[in-house]
Amino acid sequence: MNDTSARAETRMSELLAACSPAERFAMACRMFETAKTLARAGIIAEHGAAAEAHMRKYLFLRFYGHDFDEEKKRRVLASWGEDVHR
């Protein structure tokens, strides 16, 4: 689904192209911070305030869980003292 007009999409591309690499990098960092904030809020809504103690695990699984098979996820979490199922 695309609800953006061709004119708006072209203008957005022009504006991004006018930014320096440092500005684009800063924008990407801010977007990732926003994504983490939204993910944290969703995790707390789903798992309750106690999720804060395991937030690193939940964020890893939310952002990268589909990129690893079960064994690799288990190994990453075990290196942090976490369990996949806790």
PDB file of N, CA and C in Angstrom:
ATOM      1  N   MET A   1       0.846  -1.170   0.000  1.00  0.00           N
ATOM      2  CA  MET A   1       0.000   0.000   0.000  1.00  0.00           C
ATOM      3  C   MET A   1       0.897   1.241   0.000  1.00  0.00           C
ATOM      4  N   ASN A   2       0.561   2.192  -0.830  1.00  0.00           N
ATOM      5  CA  ASN A   2       1.320   3.426  -0.904  1.00  0.00           C
ATOM      6  C   ASN A   2       0.332   4.589  -0.978  1.00  0.00           C
ATOM      7  N   ASP A   3       0.291   5.369   0.094  1.00  0.00           N
ATOM      8  CA  ASP A   3      -0.635   6.503   0.119  1.00  0.00           C
ATOM      9  C   ASP A   3       0.080   7.829  -0.115  1.00  0.00           C
ATOM     10  N   THR A   4       1.322   7.758  -0.605  1.00  0.00           N
ATOM     11  CA  THR A   4       2.110   8.958  -0.867  1.00  0.00           C
ATOM     12  C   THR A   4       2.034   9.296  -2.347  1.00  0.00           C
ATOM     13  N   SER A   5       1.728  10.542  -2.652  1.00  0.00           N
ATOM     14  CA  SER A   5       1.658  10.950  -4.053  1.00  0.00           C
ATOM     15  C   SER A   5       3.061  10.927  -4.666  1.00  0.00           C
ATOM     16  N   ALA A   6       3.106  10.782  -5.966  1.00  0.00           N
ATOM     17  CA  ALA A   6       4.390  10.775  -6.676  1.00  0.00           C
ATOM     18  C   ALA A   6       5.118  12.096  -6.461  1.00  0.00           C
ATOM     19  N   ARG A   7       4.373  13.194  -6.434  1.00  0.00           N
ATOM     20  CA  ARG A   7       4.976  14.520  -6.228  1.00  0.00           C
ATOM     21  C   ARG A   7       5.624  14.609  -4.840  1.00  0.00           C
ATOM     22  N   ALA A   8       4.911  14.134  -3.820  1.00  0.00           N
ATOM     23  CA  ALA A   8       5.454  14.171  -2.455  1.00  0.00           C
ATOM     24  C   ALA A   8       6.669  13.257  -2.336  1.00  0.00           C
ATOM     25  N   GLU A   9       6.606  12.097  -2.969  1.00  0.00           N
ATOM     26  CA  GLU A   9       7.734  11.161  -2.916  1.00  0.00           C
ATOM     27  C   GLU A   9       8.969  11.752  -3.591  1.00  0.00           C
ATOM     28  N   THR A  10       8.776  12.402  -4.719  1.00  0.00           N
ATOM     29  CA  THR A  10       9.884  13.056  -5.424  1.00  0.00           C
ATOM     30  C   THR A  10      10.485  14.164  -4.562  1.00  0.00           C
ATOM     31  N   ARG A  11       9.631  14.964  -3.956  1.00  0.00           N
ATOM     32  CA  ARG A  11      10.121  16.068  -3.105  1.00  0.00           C
ATOM     33  C   ARG A  11      10.897  15.531  -1.911  1.00  0.00           C
ATOM     34  N   MET A  12      10.397  14.463  -1.291  1.00  0.00           N
ATOM     35  CA  MET A  12      11.092  13.871  -0.148  1.00  0.00           C
ATOM     36  C   MET A  12      12.467  13.355  -0.577  1.00  0.00           C
ATOM     37  N   SER A  13      12.544  12.726  -1.731  1.00  0.00           N
ATOM     38  CA  SER A  13      13.834  12.255  -2.246  1.00  0.00           C
ATOM     39  C   SER A  13      14.796  13.406  -2.465  1.00  0.00           C
ATOM     40  N   GLU A  14      14.288  14.505  -3.002  1.00  0.00           N
ATOM     41  CA  GLU A  14      15.123  15.690  -3.222  1.00  0.00           C
ATOM     42  C   GLU A  14      15.652  16.241  -1.901  1.00  0.00           C
ATOM     43  N   LEU A  15      14.772  16.324  -0.900  1.00  0.00           N
ATOM     44  CA  LEU A  15      15.191  16.845   0.407  1.00  0.00           C
ATOM     45  C   LEU A  15      16.249  15.949   1.052  1.00  0.00           C
ATOM     46  N   LEU A  16      16.058  14.644   0.968  1.00  0.00           N
ATOM     47  CA  LEU A  16      17.050  13.725   1.534  1.00  0.00           C
ATOM     48  C   LEU A  16      18.378  13.807   0.793  1.00  0.00           C
ATOM     49  N   ALA A  17      18.310  13.934  -0.535  1.00  0.00           N
ATOM     50  CA  ALA A  17      19.535  14.035  -1.323  1.00  0.00           C
ATOM     51  C   ALA A  17      20.313  15.306  -0.999  1.00  0.00           C
ATOM     52  N   ALA A  18      19.606  16.341  -0.561  1.00  0.00           N
ATOM     53  CA  ALA A  18      20.255  17.608  -0.226  1.00  0.00           C
ATOM     54  C   ALA A  18      20.964  17.562   1.127  1.00  0.00           C
ATOM     55  N   CYS A  19      20.648  16.561   1.929  1.00  0.00           N
ATOM     56  CA  CYS A  19      21.282  16.429   3.252  1.00  0.00           C
ATOM     57  C   CYS A  19      22.686  15.852   3.120  1.00  0.00           C
ATOM     58  N   SER A  20      23.535  16.250   4.028  1.00  0.00           N
ATOM     59  CA  SER A  20      24.888  15.683   4.049  1.00  0.00           C
ATOM     60  C   SER A  20      24.814  14.260   4.609  1.00  0.00           C
ATOM     61  N   PRO A  21      25.844  13.467   4.374  1.00  0.00           N
ATOM     62  CA  PRO A  21      25.871  12.121   4.969  1.00  0.00           C
ATOM     63  C   PRO A  21      25.736  12.166   6.492  1.00  0.00           C
ATOM     64  N   ALA A  22      26.347  13.149   7.126  1.00  0.00           N
ATOM     65  CA  ALA A  22      26.256  13.264   8.585  1.00  0.00           C
ATOM     66  C   ALA A  22      24.814  13.546   9.016  1.00  0.00           C
ATOM     67  N   GLU A  23      24.110  14.386   8.248  1.00  0.00           N
ATOM     68  CA  GLU A  23      22.713  14.672   8.575  1.00  0.00           C
ATOM     69  C   GLU A  23      21.837  13.435   8.390  1.00  0.00           C
ATOM     70  N   ARG A  24      22.084  12.687   7.315  1.00  0.00           N
ATOM     71  CA  ARG A  24      21.303  11.463   7.093  1.00  0.00           C
ATOM     72  C   ARG A  24      21.592  10.432   8.184  1.00  0.00           C
ATOM     73  N   PHE A  25      22.835  10.335   8.601  1.00  0.00           N
ATOM     74  CA  PHE A  25      23.191   9.413   9.677  1.00  0.00           C
ATOM     75  C   PHE A  25      22.496   9.821  10.982  1.00  0.00           C
ATOM     76  N   ALA A  26      22.506  11.103  11.289  1.00  0.00           N
ATOM     77  CA  ALA A  26      21.840  11.593  12.502  1.00  0.00           C
ATOM     78  C   ALA A  26      20.343  11.309  12.452  1.00  0.00           C
ATOM     79  N   MET A  27      19.734  11.475  11.275  1.00  0.00           N
ATOM     80  CA  MET A  27      18.311  11.173  11.127  1.00  0.00           C
ATOM     81  C   MET A  27      18.049   9.693  11.377  1.00  0.00           C
ATOM     82  N   ALA A  28      18.907   8.835  10.835  1.00  0.00           N
ATOM     83  CA  ALA A  28      18.739   7.389  11.024  1.00  0.00           C
ATOM     84  C   ALA A  28      18.865   7.020  12.502  1.00  0.00           C
ATOM     85  N   CYS A  29      19.812   7.640  13.188  1.00  0.00           N
ATOM     86  CA  CYS A  29      19.979   7.373  14.627  1.00  0.00           C
ATOM     87  C   CYS A  29      18.749   7.792  15.408  1.00  0.00           C
ATOM     88  N   ARG A  30      18.194   8.958  15.074  1.00  0.00           N
ATOM     89  CA  ARG A  30      16.982   9.421  15.766  1.00  0.00           C
ATOM     90  C   ARG A  30      15.801   8.495  15.476  1.00  0.00           C
ATOM     91  N   MET A  31      15.699   8.019  14.241  1.00  0.00           N
ATOM     92  CA  MET A  31      14.606   7.098  13.903  1.00  0.00           C
ATOM     93  C   MET A  31      14.747   5.780  14.666  1.00  0.00           C
ATOM     94  N   PHE A  32      15.981   5.288  14.803  1.00  0.00           N
ATOM     95  CA  PHE A  32      16.187   4.045  15.545  1.00  0.00           C
ATOM     96  C   PHE A  32      15.855   4.242  17.021  1.00  0.00           C
ATOM     97  N   GLU A  33      16.233   5.377  17.594  1.00  0.00           N
ATOM     98  CA  GLU A  33      15.880   5.665  18.989  1.00  0.00           C
ATOM     99  C   GLU A  33      14.366   5.714  19.167  1.00  0.00           C
ATOM    100  N   THR A  34      13.673   6.304  18.207  1.00  0.00           N
ATOM    101  CA  THR A  34      12.209   6.343  18.270  1.00  0.00           C
ATOM    102  C   THR A  34      11.638   4.933  18.180  1.00  0.00           C
ATOM    103  N   ALA A  35      12.183   4.120  17.287  1.00  0.00           N
ATOM    104  CA  ALA A  35      11.718   2.738  17.155  1.00  0.00           C
ATOM    105  C   ALA A  35      11.932   1.969  18.456  1.00  0.00           C
ATOM    106  N   LYS A  36      13.087   2.171  19.107  1.00  0.00           N
ATOM    107  CA  LYS A  36      13.340   1.493  20.386  1.00  0.00           C
ATOM    108  C   LYS A  36      12.365   1.955  21.458  1.00  0.00           C
ATOM    109  N   THR A  37      12.067   3.247  21.499  1.00  0.00           N
ATOM    110  CA  THR A  37      11.119   3.779  22.478  1.00  0.00           C
ATOM    111  C   THR A  37       9.740   3.156  22.280  1.00  0.00           C
ATOM    112  N   LEU A  38       9.297   3.079  21.022  1.00  0.00           N
ATOM    113  CA  LEU A  38       8.005   2.465  20.732  1.00  0.00           C
ATOM    114  C   LEU A  38       8.011   0.971  21.053  1.00  0.00           C
ATOM    115  N   ALA A  39       9.106   0.292  20.739  1.00  0.00           N
ATOM    116  CA  ALA A  39       9.205  -1.139  21.045  1.00  0.00           C
ATOM    117  C   ALA A  39       9.175  -1.369  22.546  1.00  0.00           C
ATOM    118  N   ARG A  40       9.898  -0.548  23.305  1.00  0.00           N
ATOM    119  CA  ARG A  40       9.903  -0.670  24.775  1.00  0.00           C
ATOM    120  C   ARG A  40       8.486  -0.515  25.330  1.00  0.00           C
ATOM    121  N   ALA A  41       7.757   0.485  24.830  1.00  0.00           N
ATOM    122  CA  ALA A  41       6.389   0.705  25.291  1.00  0.00           C
ATOM    123  C   ALA A  41       5.510  -0.497  24.971  1.00  0.00           C
ATOM    124  N   GLY A  42       5.668  -1.060  23.791  1.00  0.00           N
ATOM    125  CA  GLY A  42       4.904  -2.248  23.414  1.00  0.00           C
ATOM    126  C   GLY A  42       5.245  -3.448  24.269  1.00  0.00           C
ATOM    127  N   ILE A  43       6.521  -3.619  24.579  1.00  0.00           N
ATOM    128  CA  ILE A  43       6.962  -4.740  25.411  1.00  0.00           C
ATOM    129  C   ILE A  43       6.390  -4.607  26.817  1.00  0.00           C
ATOM    130  N   ILE A  44       6.439  -3.409  27.379  1.00  0.00           N
ATOM    131  CA  ILE A  44       5.884  -3.199  28.722  1.00  0.00           C
ATOM    132  C   ILE A  44       4.375  -3.417  28.710  1.00  0.00           C
ATOM    133  N   ALA A  45       3.695  -2.968  27.660  1.00  0.00           N
ATOM    134  CA  ALA A  45       2.248  -3.191  27.554  1.00  0.00           C
ATOM    135  C   ALA A  45       1.935  -4.682  27.463  1.00  0.00           C
ATOM    136  N   GLU A  46       2.785  -5.421  26.761  1.00  0.00           N
ATOM    137  CA  GLU A  46       2.562  -6.856  26.560  1.00  0.00           C
ATOM    138  C   GLU A  46       2.975  -7.692  27.760  1.00  0.00           C
ATOM    139  N   HIS A  47       4.107  -7.341  28.398  1.00  0.00           N
ATOM    140  CA  HIS A  47       4.681  -8.188  29.450  1.00  0.00           C
ATOM    141  C   HIS A  47       4.623  -7.567  30.848  1.00  0.00           C
ATOM    142  N   GLY A  48       4.190  -6.328  30.954  1.00  0.00           N
ATOM    143  CA  GLY A  48       4.116  -5.659  32.245  1.00  0.00           C
ATOM    144  C   GLY A  48       5.428  -5.013  32.633  1.00  0.00           C
ATOM    145  N   ALA A  49       5.386  -4.279  33.731  1.00  0.00           N
ATOM    146  CA  ALA A  49       6.553  -3.524  34.197  1.00  0.00           C
ATOM    147  C   ALA A  49       7.738  -4.428  34.521  1.00  0.00           C
ATOM    148  N   ALA A  50       7.474  -5.684  34.890  1.00  0.00           N
ATOM    149  CA  ALA A  50       8.561  -6.613  35.204  1.00  0.00           C
ATOM    150  C   ALA A  50       9.437  -6.875  33.984  1.00  0.00           C
ATOM    151  N   ALA A  51       8.935  -6.578  32.794  1.00  0.00           N
ATOM    152  CA  ALA A  51       9.711  -6.791  31.572  1.00  0.00           C
ATOM    153  C   ALA A  51      10.970  -5.944  31.554  1.00  0.00           C
ATOM    154  N   GLU A  52      10.977  -4.845  32.314  1.00  0.00           N
ATOM    155  CA  GLU A  52      12.129  -3.936  32.322  1.00  0.00           C
ATOM    156  C   GLU A  52      13.411  -4.687  32.680  1.00  0.00           C
ATOM    157  N   ALA A  53      13.332  -5.655  33.582  1.00  0.00           N
ATOM    158  CA  ALA A  53      14.517  -6.414  33.996  1.00  0.00           C
ATOM    159  C   ALA A  53      15.090  -7.242  32.853  1.00  0.00           C
ATOM    160  N   HIS A  54      14.271  -7.557  31.863  1.00  0.00           N
ATOM    161  CA  HIS A  54      14.709  -8.382  30.733  1.00  0.00           C
ATOM    162  C   HIS A  54      14.576  -7.631  29.406  1.00  0.00           C
ATOM    163  N   MET A  55      14.574  -6.312  29.461  1.00  0.00           N
ATOM    164  CA  MET A  55      14.317  -5.496  28.276  1.00  0.00           C
ATOM    165  C   MET A  55      15.325  -5.769  27.163  1.00  0.00           C
ATOM    166  N   ARG A  56      16.584  -5.973  27.506  1.00  0.00           N
ATOM    167  CA  ARG A  56      17.599  -6.231  26.477  1.00  0.00           C
ATOM    168  C   ARG A  56      17.212  -7.466  25.668  1.00  0.00           C
ATOM    169  N   LYS A  57      16.751  -8.515  26.361  1.00  0.00           N
ATOM    170  CA  LYS A  57      16.317  -9.739  25.688  1.00  0.00           C
ATOM    171  C   LYS A  57      15.124  -9.456  24.785  1.00  0.00           C
ATOM    172  N   TYR A  58      14.109  -8.780  25.334  1.00  0.00           N
ATOM    173  CA  TYR A  58      12.908  -8.519  24.559  1.00  0.00           C
ATOM    174  C   TYR A  58      13.197  -7.651  23.337  1.00  0.00           C
ATOM    175  N   LEU A  59      14.053  -6.647  23.492  1.00  0.00           N
ATOM    176  CA  LEU A  59      14.407  -5.808  22.345  1.00  0.00           C
ATOM    177  C   LEU A  59      15.165  -6.603  21.289  1.00  0.00           C
ATOM    178  N   PHE A  60      16.094  -7.432  21.731  1.00  0.00           N
ATOM    179  CA  PHE A  60      16.830  -8.285  20.790  1.00  0.00           C
ATOM    180  C   PHE A  60      15.856  -9.154  20.005  1.00  0.00           C
ATOM    181  N   LEU A  61      14.945  -9.818  20.708  1.00  0.00           N
ATOM    182  CA  LEU A  61      14.000 -10.704  20.031  1.00  0.00           C
ATOM    183  C   LEU A  61      13.054  -9.918  19.125  1.00  0.00           C
ATOM    184  N   ARG A  62      12.638  -8.735  19.551  1.00  0.00           N
ATOM    185  CA  ARG A  62      11.713  -7.925  18.746  1.00  0.00           C
ATOM    186  C   ARG A  62      12.392  -7.443  17.459  1.00  0.00           C
ATOM    187  N   PHE A  63      13.637  -6.954  17.576  1.00  0.00           N
ATOM    188  CA  PHE A  63      14.317  -6.398  16.402  1.00  0.00           C
ATOM    189  C   PHE A  63      15.024  -7.445  15.551  1.00  0.00           C
ATOM    190  N   TYR A  64      15.599  -8.468  16.170  1.00  0.00           N
ATOM    191  CA  TYR A  64      16.457  -9.390  15.434  1.00  0.00           C
ATOM    192  C   TYR A  64      16.041 -10.848  15.539  1.00  0.00           C
ATOM    193  N   GLY A  65      14.948 -11.139  16.221  1.00  0.00           N
ATOM    194  CA  GLY A  65      14.533 -12.520  16.448  1.00  0.00           C
ATOM    195  C   GLY A  65      14.325 -13.335  15.186  1.00  0.00           C
ATOM    196  N   HIS A  66      13.872 -12.702  14.125  1.00  0.00           N
ATOM    197  CA  HIS A  66      13.627 -13.428  12.871  1.00  0.00           C
ATOM    198  C   HIS A  66      14.902 -13.619  12.052  1.00  0.00           C
ATOM    199  N   ASP A  67      15.982 -13.001  12.475  1.00  0.00           N
ATOM    200  CA  ASP A  67      17.239 -13.096  11.735  1.00  0.00           C
ATOM    201  C   ASP A  67      18.111 -14.271  12.184  1.00  0.00           C
ATOM    202  N   PHE A  68      17.727 -14.913  13.288  1.00  0.00           N
ATOM    203  CA  PHE A  68      18.531 -15.985  13.867  1.00  0.00           C
ATOM    204  C   PHE A  68      17.680 -17.231  14.046  1.00  0.00           C
ATOM    205  N   ASP A  69      18.309 -18.406  13.879  1.00  0.00           N
ATOM    206  CA  ASP A  69      17.584 -19.628  14.203  1.00  0.00           C
ATOM    207  C   ASP A  69      17.549 -19.790  15.724  1.00  0.00           C
ATOM    208  N   GLU A  70      16.783 -20.751  16.210  1.00  0.00           N
ATOM    209  CA  GLU A  70      16.580 -20.907  17.654  1.00  0.00           C
ATOM    210  C   GLU A  70      17.890 -21.137  18.411  1.00  0.00           C
ATOM    211  N   GLU A  71      18.795 -21.895  17.843  1.00  0.00           N
ATOM    212  CA  GLU A  71      20.067 -22.179  18.527  1.00  0.00           C
ATOM    213  C   GLU A  71      20.909 -20.911  18.668  1.00  0.00           C
ATOM    214  N   LYS A  72      20.983 -20.129  17.608  1.00  0.00           N
ATOM    215  CA  LYS A  72      21.766 -18.890  17.683  1.00  0.00           C
ATOM    216  C   LYS A  72      21.133 -17.894  18.655  1.00  0.00           C
ATOM    217  N   LYS A  73      19.798 -17.795  18.657  1.00  0.00           N
ATOM    218  CA  LYS A  73      19.133 -16.921  19.629  1.00  0.00           C
ATOM    219  C   LYS A  73      19.457 -17.380  21.048  1.00  0.00           C
ATOM    220  N   ARG A  74      19.385 -18.688  21.277  1.00  0.00           N
ATOM    221  CA  ARG A  74      19.676 -19.226  22.603  1.00  0.00           C
ATOM    222  C   ARG A  74      21.092 -18.888  23.022  1.00  0.00           C
ATOM    223  N   ARG A  75      22.052 -19.010  22.092  1.00  0.00           N
ATOM    224  CA  ARG A  75      23.451 -18.719  22.412  1.00  0.00           C
ATOM    225  C   ARG A  75      23.659 -17.240  22.725  1.00  0.00           C
ATOM    226  N   VAL A  76      23.046 -16.364  21.957  1.00  0.00           N
ATOM    227  CA  VAL A  76      23.180 -14.928  22.223  1.00  0.00           C
ATOM    228  C   VAL A  76      22.620 -14.607  23.604  1.00  0.00           C
ATOM    229  N   LEU A  77      21.410 -15.063  23.859  1.00  0.00           N
ATOM    230  CA  LEU A  77      20.772 -14.764  25.138  1.00  0.00           C
ATOM    231  C   LEU A  77      21.515 -15.403  26.302  1.00  0.00           C
ATOM    232  N   ALA A  78      22.029 -16.612  26.117  1.00  0.00           N
ATOM    233  CA  ALA A  78      22.789 -17.271  27.172  1.00  0.00           C
ATOM    234  C   ALA A  78      24.043 -16.485  27.508  1.00  0.00           C
ATOM    235  N   SER A  79      24.650 -15.854  26.510  1.00  0.00           N
ATOM    236  CA  SER A  79      25.858 -15.056  26.771  1.00  0.00           C
ATOM    237  C   SER A  79      25.542 -13.839  27.638  1.00  0.00           C
ATOM    238  N   TRP A  80      24.262 -13.449  27.685  1.00  0.00           N
ATOM    239  CA  TRP A  80      23.814 -12.334  28.518  1.00  0.00           C
ATOM    240  C   TRP A  80      23.206 -12.817  29.835  1.00  0.00           C
ATOM    241  N   GLY A  81      23.178 -14.145  30.041  1.00  0.00           N
ATOM    242  CA  GLY A  81      22.554 -14.690  31.235  1.00  0.00           C
ATOM    243  C   GLY A  81      21.043 -14.746  31.139  1.00  0.00           C
ATOM    244  N   GLU A  82      20.523 -14.718  29.907  1.00  0.00           N
ATOM    245  CA  GLU A  82      19.071 -14.748  29.676  1.00  0.00           C
ATOM    246  C   GLU A  82      18.676 -16.102  29.121  1.00  0.00           C
ATOM    247  N   ASP A  83      17.388 -16.387  29.172  1.00  0.00           N
ATOM    248  CA  ASP A  83      16.798 -17.596  28.615  1.00  0.00           C
ATOM    249  C   ASP A  83      15.762 -17.160  27.590  1.00  0.00           C
ATOM    250  N   VAL A  84      15.669 -17.881  26.499  1.00  0.00           N
ATOM    251  CA  VAL A  84      14.711 -17.526  25.444  1.00  0.00           C
ATOM    252  C   VAL A  84      13.288 -17.552  25.978  1.00  0.00           C
ATOM    253  N   HIS A  85      12.987 -18.477  26.885  1.00  0.00           N
ATOM    254  CA  HIS A  85      11.608 -18.691  27.324  1.00  0.00           C
ATOM    255  C   HIS A  85      11.257 -17.975  28.628  1.00  0.00           C
ATOM    256  N   ARG A  86      12.182 -17.262  29.212  1.00  0.00           N
ATOM    257  CA  ARG A  86      11.900 -16.576  30.479  1.00  0.00           C
ATOM    258  C   ARG A  86      11.293 -15.235  30.221  1.00  0.00           C
TER     259      ARG A  86
END
